[in-house]
Amino acid sequence: MKQLFTLVSLAALMPWATAAHWTQFRGPSSNGTMPGTELPSTLSKENGIAWQIDLPGRGLSSPIVLNDRVYVSCSSGPKQEKLHVICFQASDGRKVWERTFRATGRTMCHEKTSVAAPTPTSDGERIFALFSSNDLVCLDLQGNLQWFRGLTQDYPNASNSLGMSSSLVVTEGVLGAQIENDSESFSAGFDVKDGRNLWKLDRPKMANWCSPTVLTTSGGKTLFGLQSGKGVTAVEPRTGRIVWDYKDGASPVSSSAVSGSVLYAPSQGLTALEFSDSGEPKQLWRAGQLRPGTPSPVVVGDKILVMNDGGVLTCGELATGKRLWQLRLKGPFSATPVAAGNRLLAVNEKGLAQLVDVSKPEGEVLSELDLAQTVLGTPSLTADGVYIRSDARLWKLRR
């Protein structure tokens, strides 16, 4: 009942949030899945690829999908100083528009990542894109610039030598971002209309690559969940007021997953925290055997799945954290899998997509598809297909 209420509350806050929309990192509920979607029954290069199109630059960000459009961010140039936001037609891959900007902040990052690492988001009216250079762009759905913030101009020491990758979230007219690092570390809420700060919180001075989540309590209250190596802090989107603060540590890489009013935090393995309108969250269980690597946890029905970097997929019982089975896939992995029904799709760093039946007693690989390019970004899933991007290409797979 709590989960049903949460879904109804989410729909009331975002009436466009239907099965046609995948508008943030790991989908509308930040758990790698969405009702009304399906994964293919088999993967096939001959019949399974609806279309593919070349991209102008690098990127680890996920595509986001709104109505019949797909939006992708990229970075190009000798120092990845050219920033791109591109809109494609979902049905055939035709490019609708492309906007480019010049980075105003630092573009240094580890060779494995890129300046276009954070996944964009949308509130149904606007597209928001953040880059590792701490340049924050707002466009309308036709690609017209609404506002631009070069955050390095205001916060010159907010960066780290490996690059920034935390993705954006949006709710209640507020864009949430974690600009967290080992120097000038902060999280902020920006007004979606003009980009001004509604609030800014100092955060732990430590490198942090995980992403915030939107939490909706059983009472209908919406919060931003801000994760770091110190734990998870829940704040009010409009004010930044801290509602609760879980201080038992968490991963600075793998992000938390959400299901109903429970947050599954990569803390001491994996820790299930039931949150409410006020007061500290209640720990439901903790499972050291469900420790994720770089990929974030995925919720599939009554199961939760975690992947380590080497490719061991572990399935746990959502209600208790009990480990049910493990399955070794062909790794290594950076991207978080996506799931629908009883199937899970995981794409390794070499571009090998693997389709897994998670309903089997020990899990079972059903099919594979070699995309033959490095894939570090998480796929996106809608009712009519799956979107996967590499540095050089964007694919749409048929259901």
Protein backbone atom coordinates (compact mmCIF):
# COMPACT_ATOMS: atom_id res chain seq x y z
CA MET A 1 0.00 0.00 0.00
CA LYS A 2 2.87 2.39 0.81
CA GLN A 3 4.42 1.77 -2.61
CA LEU A 4 1.07 2.38 -4.36
CA PHE A 5 0.64 5.65 -2.48
CA THR A 6 4.15 6.68 -3.45
CA LEU A 7 3.49 6.05 -7.14
CA VAL A 8 0.24 8.03 -6.96
CA SER A 9 2.05 10.88 -5.21
CA LEU A 10 4.77 10.87 -7.85
CA ALA A 11 2.19 11.04 -10.63
CA ALA A 12 0.49 13.97 -8.92
CA LEU A 13 3.76 15.87 -8.66
CA MET A 14 4.84 15.02 -12.21
CA PRO A 15 1.78 14.31 -14.42
CA TRP A 16 4.03 13.57 -17.39
CA ALA A 17 5.78 10.74 -15.47
CA THR A 18 4.35 7.80 -17.42
CA ALA A 19 5.88 4.75 -19.07
CA ALA A 20 6.92 6.91 -22.04
CA HIS A 21 9.36 8.91 -19.92
CA TRP A 22 12.78 8.01 -18.52
CA THR A 23 13.97 11.43 -17.44
CA GLN A 24 16.84 10.85 -15.03
CA PHE A 25 19.67 8.48 -14.14
CA ARG A 26 18.21 4.97 -13.51
CA GLY A 27 14.65 6.01 -14.32
CA PRO A 28 11.83 7.88 -12.54
CA SER A 29 12.17 5.98 -9.26
CA SER A 30 15.99 5.80 -9.19
CA ASN A 31 15.99 2.01 -9.11
CA GLY A 32 16.72 0.89 -12.68
CA THR A 33 13.20 -0.08 -13.67
CA MET A 34 9.77 1.40 -14.48
CA PRO A 35 6.21 -0.03 -14.65
CA GLY A 36 4.83 -0.59 -18.14
CA THR A 37 8.18 -1.36 -19.76
CA GLU A 38 9.58 -4.57 -21.21
CA LEU A 39 12.97 -5.90 -22.18
CA PRO A 40 13.51 -8.00 -25.32
CA SER A 41 13.09 -11.75 -25.03
CA THR A 42 16.31 -12.12 -27.01
CA LEU A 43 19.15 -9.88 -28.20
CA SER A 44 19.96 -9.85 -31.91
CA LYS A 45 22.19 -7.68 -34.08
CA GLU A 46 20.12 -8.55 -37.16
CA ASN A 47 16.62 -7.95 -35.82
CA GLY A 48 17.06 -6.41 -32.39
CA ILE A 49 18.56 -3.00 -33.24
CA ALA A 50 15.89 -0.47 -34.24
CA TRP A 51 18.47 2.18 -35.18
CA GLN A 52 21.92 3.48 -34.35
CA ILE A 53 23.51 6.88 -34.88
CA ASP A 54 26.98 8.35 -34.42
CA LEU A 55 27.63 10.88 -31.65
CA PRO A 56 30.03 13.84 -31.93
CA GLY A 57 31.95 13.27 -28.71
CA ARG A 58 32.52 11.31 -25.55
CA GLY A 59 30.04 10.66 -22.76
CA LEU A 60 29.14 8.39 -19.85
CA SER A 61 25.78 10.04 -19.28
CA SER A 62 22.60 8.05 -19.87
CA PRO A 63 20.12 9.11 -22.54
CA ILE A 64 16.89 10.54 -21.15
CA VAL A 65 13.55 10.05 -22.93
CA LEU A 66 10.55 12.37 -22.89
CA ASN A 67 7.53 11.67 -25.12
CA ASP A 68 8.96 10.83 -28.56
CA ARG A 69 12.36 12.48 -28.06
CA VAL A 70 15.72 11.22 -26.76
CA TYR A 71 18.24 13.65 -25.24
CA VAL A 72 21.97 12.97 -24.88
CA SER A 73 24.94 14.99 -23.62
CA CYS A 74 28.45 14.71 -25.09
CA SER A 75 31.83 16.44 -24.87
CA SER A 76 34.30 16.87 -27.71
CA GLY A 77 37.50 18.70 -28.64
CA PRO A 78 41.16 18.15 -27.67
CA LYS A 79 40.39 18.94 -24.02
CA GLN A 80 36.68 18.02 -24.15
CA GLU A 81 35.96 21.72 -23.92
CA LYS A 82 33.04 21.60 -26.36
CA LEU A 83 29.78 20.63 -24.62
CA HIS A 84 26.85 19.16 -26.56
CA VAL A 85 23.18 18.54 -25.81
CA ILE A 86 21.48 16.67 -28.66
CA CYS A 87 17.84 15.74 -29.28
CA PHE A 88 16.88 12.75 -31.44
CA GLN A 89 13.56 11.42 -32.69
CA ALA A 90 12.83 8.25 -30.72
CA SER A 91 11.10 6.46 -33.60
CA ASP A 92 13.93 6.59 -36.15
CA GLY A 93 17.00 8.27 -34.59
CA ARG A 94 16.73 11.41 -36.70
CA LYS A 95 18.54 14.37 -35.12
CA VAL A 96 16.02 17.08 -34.23
CA TRP A 97 18.42 19.67 -32.81
CA GLU A 98 21.89 20.07 -31.30
CA ARG A 99 23.19 22.83 -29.06
CA THR A 100 26.87 23.36 -28.24
CA PHE A 101 28.57 25.37 -25.51
CA ARG A 102 32.12 26.14 -24.45
CA ALA A 103 33.19 24.85 -21.04
CA THR A 104 33.90 27.62 -18.55
CA GLY A 105 35.34 25.34 -15.86
CA ARG A 106 38.05 22.69 -15.64
CA THR A 107 37.80 19.82 -18.11
CA MET A 108 40.49 17.64 -16.57
CA CYS A 109 39.34 14.12 -15.76
CA HIS A 110 40.57 10.55 -15.69
CA GLU A 111 41.02 9.05 -19.16
CA LYS A 112 38.34 6.47 -18.41
CA THR A 113 35.63 9.05 -17.82
CA SER A 114 34.62 12.22 -19.67
CA VAL A 115 33.32 15.74 -19.16
CA ALA A 116 29.83 14.51 -20.18
CA ALA A 117 29.56 12.04 -17.30
CA PRO A 118 26.51 13.35 -15.35
CA THR A 119 23.13 12.28 -16.74
CA PRO A 120 20.74 15.13 -17.66
CA THR A 121 17.19 15.37 -16.30
CA SER A 122 13.86 16.96 -17.27
CA ASP A 123 10.85 18.39 -15.46
CA GLY A 124 8.66 17.84 -18.53
CA GLU A 125 9.16 21.41 -19.78
CA ARG A 126 12.94 21.82 -19.71
CA ILE A 127 16.13 19.82 -20.22
CA PHE A 128 18.88 20.29 -17.62
CA ALA A 129 22.44 19.14 -18.32
CA LEU A 130 25.41 19.28 -15.95
CA PHE A 131 28.97 18.63 -17.09
CA SER A 132 32.13 17.72 -15.17
CA SER A 133 33.36 21.26 -15.85
CA ASN A 134 30.52 22.34 -13.50
CA ASP A 135 28.70 24.04 -16.36
CA LEU A 136 24.95 23.79 -15.86
CA VAL A 137 22.67 24.29 -18.88
CA CYS A 138 18.88 24.68 -19.08
CA LEU A 139 17.12 24.36 -22.46
CA ASP A 140 13.47 24.19 -23.41
CA LEU A 141 12.23 21.15 -25.33
CA GLN A 142 12.93 22.93 -28.64
CA GLY A 143 16.57 23.46 -27.68
CA ASN A 144 16.33 27.17 -26.84
CA LEU A 145 18.68 28.27 -24.07
CA GLN A 146 16.80 29.32 -20.93
CA TRP A 147 19.77 29.89 -18.64
CA PHE A 148 23.40 28.88 -18.14
CA ARG A 149 25.44 28.71 -14.92
CA GLY A 150 29.21 28.38 -14.99
CA LEU A 151 29.44 27.22 -11.39
CA THR A 152 33.24 27.41 -11.40
CA GLN A 153 32.92 31.20 -11.62
CA ASP A 154 31.08 31.23 -8.29
CA TYR A 155 32.86 28.29 -6.67
CA PRO A 156 36.37 28.16 -8.22
CA ASN A 157 37.69 25.26 -6.14
CA ALA A 158 34.77 22.88 -6.67
CA SER A 159 36.46 20.09 -8.63
CA ASN A 160 38.67 17.04 -8.34
CA SER A 161 41.44 15.65 -10.53
CA LEU A 162 39.46 12.57 -11.66
CA GLY A 163 36.37 14.43 -12.88
CA MET A 164 32.84 14.96 -11.59
CA SER A 165 30.01 12.59 -12.46
CA SER A 166 27.05 13.09 -10.09
CA SER A 167 23.77 13.30 -12.03
CA LEU A 168 20.87 15.70 -11.58
CA VAL A 169 17.39 15.28 -10.07
CA VAL A 170 14.39 17.61 -10.18
CA THR A 171 11.13 17.94 -8.25
CA GLU A 172 8.83 20.72 -6.97
CA GLY A 173 10.42 23.27 -9.28
CA VAL A 174 13.89 22.64 -7.82
CA LEU A 175 16.91 21.17 -9.58
CA GLY A 176 19.11 19.22 -7.17
CA ALA A 177 22.85 18.80 -7.73
CA GLN A 178 25.76 17.44 -5.72
CA ILE A 179 28.97 19.33 -6.54
CA GLU A 180 30.96 17.37 -4.01
CA ASN A 181 34.73 16.99 -3.97
CA ASP A 182 37.76 17.17 -1.70
CA SER A 183 37.94 20.98 -1.79
CA GLU A 184 34.94 23.34 -2.15
CA SER A 185 32.26 20.71 -1.64
CA PHE A 186 28.56 21.54 -1.66
CA SER A 187 25.07 20.49 -2.71
CA ALA A 188 22.53 22.99 -4.00
CA GLY A 189 18.95 23.46 -5.08
CA PHE A 190 18.47 25.66 -8.16
CA ASP A 191 15.25 27.33 -9.29
CA VAL A 192 14.27 25.64 -12.55
CA LYS A 193 13.03 28.92 -14.05
CA ASP A 194 16.18 31.02 -13.76
CA GLY A 195 18.95 28.86 -12.26
CA ARG A 196 19.41 30.94 -9.10
CA ASN A 197 20.38 29.24 -5.85
CA LEU A 198 17.42 28.49 -3.61
CA TRP A 199 19.81 26.99 -1.09
CA LYS A 200 23.37 25.72 -0.75
CA LEU A 201 24.73 23.30 1.83
CA ASP A 202 28.38 22.70 2.68
CA ARG A 203 29.11 19.00 2.28
CA PRO A 204 31.92 16.64 3.40
CA LYS A 205 35.20 17.50 1.70
CA MET A 206 35.75 14.22 -0.07
CA ALA A 207 35.54 13.03 -3.67
CA ASN A 208 32.03 11.85 -4.45
CA TRP A 209 30.66 10.41 -7.71
CA CYS A 210 27.27 9.06 -6.64
CA SER A 211 23.99 10.79 -7.52
CA PRO A 212 21.14 12.22 -5.43
CA THR A 213 17.72 10.59 -5.29
CA VAL A 214 14.16 11.87 -4.96
CA LEU A 215 12.42 10.33 -1.94
CA THR A 216 8.64 10.40 -1.57
CA THR A 217 7.38 9.43 1.88
CA SER A 218 4.22 7.44 2.57
CA GLY A 219 2.69 10.75 3.68
CA GLY A 220 3.40 12.33 0.28
CA LYS A 221 6.32 14.54 1.33
CA THR A 222 9.17 14.85 -1.18
CA LEU A 223 12.83 14.96 -0.16
CA PHE A 224 16.24 15.00 -1.83
CA GLY A 225 18.48 12.17 -0.66
CA LEU A 226 22.13 13.33 -0.70
CA GLN A 227 24.64 10.49 -0.43
CA SER A 228 28.36 10.69 0.30
CA GLY A 229 31.07 8.64 1.96
CA LYS A 230 29.73 9.89 5.32
CA GLY A 231 26.18 8.57 4.81
CA VAL A 232 22.87 9.89 3.45
CA THR A 233 21.23 13.23 4.27
CA ALA A 234 17.59 13.98 3.41
CA VAL A 235 16.67 17.62 2.77
CA GLU A 236 13.57 19.54 1.75
CA PRO A 237 13.80 20.43 -1.98
CA ARG A 238 12.55 24.01 -1.64
CA THR A 239 14.55 25.04 1.42
CA GLY A 240 17.48 22.64 1.85
CA ARG A 241 16.42 22.08 5.47
CA ILE A 242 17.85 18.82 6.77
CA VAL A 243 15.06 16.40 7.74
CA TRP A 244 17.24 13.47 8.74
CA ASP A 245 20.88 12.45 8.57
CA TYR A 246 22.05 8.83 8.36
CA LYS A 247 25.70 8.88 9.46
CA ASP A 248 26.87 5.26 9.17
CA GLY A 249 28.80 5.78 5.93
CA ALA A 250 27.94 5.00 2.31
CA SER A 251 29.66 4.44 -1.02
CA PRO A 252 30.93 7.54 -2.85
CA VAL A 253 30.49 5.70 -6.18
CA SER A 254 27.42 3.43 -6.23
CA SER A 255 24.15 5.34 -5.70
CA SER A 256 21.22 4.31 -3.51
CA ALA A 257 18.08 2.72 -4.96
CA VAL A 258 14.52 3.57 -3.91
CA SER A 259 11.39 1.44 -3.70
CA GLY A 260 8.30 2.90 -2.05
CA SER A 261 9.38 4.52 1.21
CA VAL A 262 12.55 2.44 1.55
CA LEU A 263 16.03 3.58 0.54
CA TYR A 264 18.52 0.82 -0.26
CA ALA A 265 21.86 2.46 0.51
CA PRO A 266 25.26 0.96 -0.38
CA SER A 267 26.38 1.18 3.25
CA GLN A 268 28.21 -1.61 5.13
CA GLY A 269 27.22 -3.83 2.22
CA LEU A 270 23.62 -2.83 1.53
CA THR A 271 21.34 -1.26 4.16
CA ALA A 272 17.55 -0.88 3.84
CA LEU A 273 16.30 2.35 5.45
CA GLU A 274 12.59 3.08 5.82
CA PHE A 275 12.05 6.83 5.79
CA SER A 276 9.08 8.98 6.79
CA ASP A 277 7.97 12.62 6.88
CA SER A 278 10.13 13.37 9.91
CA GLY A 279 12.60 11.72 12.22
CA GLU A 280 15.51 9.40 11.53
CA PRO A 281 15.01 6.50 9.10
CA LYS A 282 14.43 3.02 10.49
CA GLN A 283 16.96 0.36 9.56
CA LEU A 284 15.06 -2.67 8.26
CA TRP A 285 18.04 -4.86 7.45
CA ARG A 286 21.72 -4.83 6.55
CA ALA A 287 23.38 -7.37 4.25
CA GLY A 288 27.16 -7.51 3.92
CA GLN A 289 26.81 -10.05 1.09
CA LEU A 290 24.94 -7.53 -1.09
CA ARG A 291 27.79 -5.06 -1.53
CA PRO A 292 27.67 -3.34 -4.96
CA GLY A 293 30.71 -2.20 -6.92
CA THR A 294 30.49 0.76 -9.30
CA PRO A 295 26.99 -0.19 -10.62
CA SER A 296 24.10 0.87 -8.41
CA PRO A 297 21.48 -1.57 -6.98
CA VAL A 298 18.45 -2.47 -9.10
CA VAL A 299 15.00 -3.32 -7.70
CA VAL A 300 13.10 -6.04 -9.62
CA GLY A 301 9.73 -6.90 -8.05
CA ASP A 302 10.47 -8.59 -4.73
CA LYS A 303 14.19 -8.84 -5.46
CA ILE A 304 17.16 -6.48 -5.28
CA LEU A 305 20.20 -7.09 -7.45
CA VAL A 306 23.74 -5.78 -7.07
CA MET A 307 26.73 -6.13 -9.37
CA ASN A 308 30.39 -5.97 -8.47
CA ASP A 309 32.89 -4.50 -10.91
CA GLY A 310 34.12 -7.94 -11.98
CA GLY A 311 30.69 -9.12 -13.09
CA VAL A 312 29.26 -11.15 -10.20
CA LEU A 313 25.51 -10.46 -10.07
CA THR A 314 24.01 -11.10 -6.63
CA CYS A 315 20.26 -11.41 -6.05
CA GLY A 316 18.77 -10.66 -2.65
CA GLU A 317 15.30 -10.79 -1.14
CA LEU A 318 13.95 -7.23 -1.06
CA ALA A 319 12.07 -7.67 2.21
CA THR A 320 14.91 -9.20 4.24
CA GLY A 321 18.23 -8.76 2.39
CA LYS A 322 18.75 -12.52 2.35
CA ARG A 323 21.07 -13.58 -0.46
CA LEU A 324 19.23 -15.84 -2.91
CA TRP A 325 21.79 -16.57 -5.63
CA GLN A 326 24.85 -15.36 -7.50
CA LEU A 327 25.60 -15.48 -11.22
CA ARG A 328 28.89 -14.60 -12.87
CA LEU A 329 28.51 -12.48 -16.00
CA LYS A 330 31.20 -11.46 -18.45
CA GLY A 331 32.70 -8.27 -16.99
CA PRO A 332 34.08 -5.83 -16.10
CA PHE A 333 31.16 -3.47 -15.42
CA SER A 334 30.75 0.24 -14.76
CA ALA A 335 27.17 0.75 -16.00
CA THR A 336 24.17 0.00 -13.79
CA PRO A 337 21.83 -2.66 -15.28
CA VAL A 338 18.16 -1.97 -16.05
CA ALA A 339 15.30 -4.38 -15.49
CA ALA A 340 11.70 -5.06 -16.47
CA GLY A 341 9.50 -8.01 -15.52
CA ASN A 342 11.76 -10.99 -14.88
CA ARG A 343 14.58 -9.79 -17.12
CA LEU A 344 17.66 -7.72 -16.45
CA LEU A 345 19.94 -6.14 -19.07
CA ALA A 346 23.59 -5.56 -18.15
CA VAL A 347 26.16 -4.04 -20.54
CA ASN A 348 29.82 -4.51 -19.70
CA GLU A 349 32.66 -2.07 -20.39
CA LYS A 350 33.53 -3.81 -23.67
CA GLY A 351 29.99 -3.28 -24.96
CA LEU A 352 28.71 -6.84 -24.45
CA ALA A 353 25.00 -6.68 -23.56
CA GLN A 354 23.79 -9.65 -21.51
CA LEU A 355 20.11 -10.46 -20.92
CA VAL A 356 19.41 -12.32 -17.66
CA ASP A 357 16.28 -14.12 -16.47
CA VAL A 358 16.22 -13.28 -12.76
CA SER A 359 13.22 -15.53 -12.05
CA LYS A 360 15.35 -18.68 -12.43
CA PRO A 361 16.55 -20.27 -9.17
CA GLU A 362 20.17 -19.34 -9.94
CA GLY A 363 19.61 -16.70 -12.60
CA GLU A 364 20.21 -17.51 -16.27
CA VAL A 365 21.81 -15.66 -19.19
CA LEU A 366 19.28 -15.79 -22.03
CA SER A 367 21.06 -13.90 -24.78
CA GLU A 368 24.05 -11.70 -25.64
CA LEU A 369 24.72 -8.87 -28.08
CA ASP A 370 28.19 -7.50 -28.77
CA LEU A 371 28.02 -3.78 -29.55
CA ALA A 372 31.80 -3.78 -30.09
CA GLN A 373 32.38 -0.40 -28.39
CA THR A 374 33.29 0.69 -24.88
CA VAL A 375 30.13 1.29 -22.86
CA LEU A 376 30.39 2.86 -19.42
CA GLY A 377 27.01 4.60 -19.31
CA THR A 378 23.82 3.10 -17.89
CA PRO A 379 21.09 2.16 -20.43
CA SER A 380 17.67 3.82 -20.42
CA LEU A 381 14.38 1.98 -20.77
CA THR A 382 10.96 2.95 -22.13
CA ALA A 383 7.84 1.14 -23.27
CA ASP A 384 9.06 0.98 -26.87
CA GLY A 385 12.75 0.17 -26.51
CA VAL A 386 16.10 0.33 -24.75
CA TYR A 387 18.66 3.09 -25.35
CA ILE A 388 22.40 2.47 -24.93
CA ARG A 389 25.23 4.90 -25.61
CA SER A 390 28.97 4.64 -26.02
CA ASP A 391 31.44 7.46 -26.61
CA ALA A 392 30.77 7.24 -30.33
CA ARG A 393 27.26 5.89 -30.82
CA LEU A 394 23.67 5.76 -29.61
CA TRP A 395 21.61 2.59 -30.13
CA LYS A 396 17.94 1.84 -29.74
CA LEU A 397 17.12 -1.83 -29.14
CA ARG A 398 13.64 -3.13 -29.91
CA ARG A 399 11.54 -4.58 -27.10
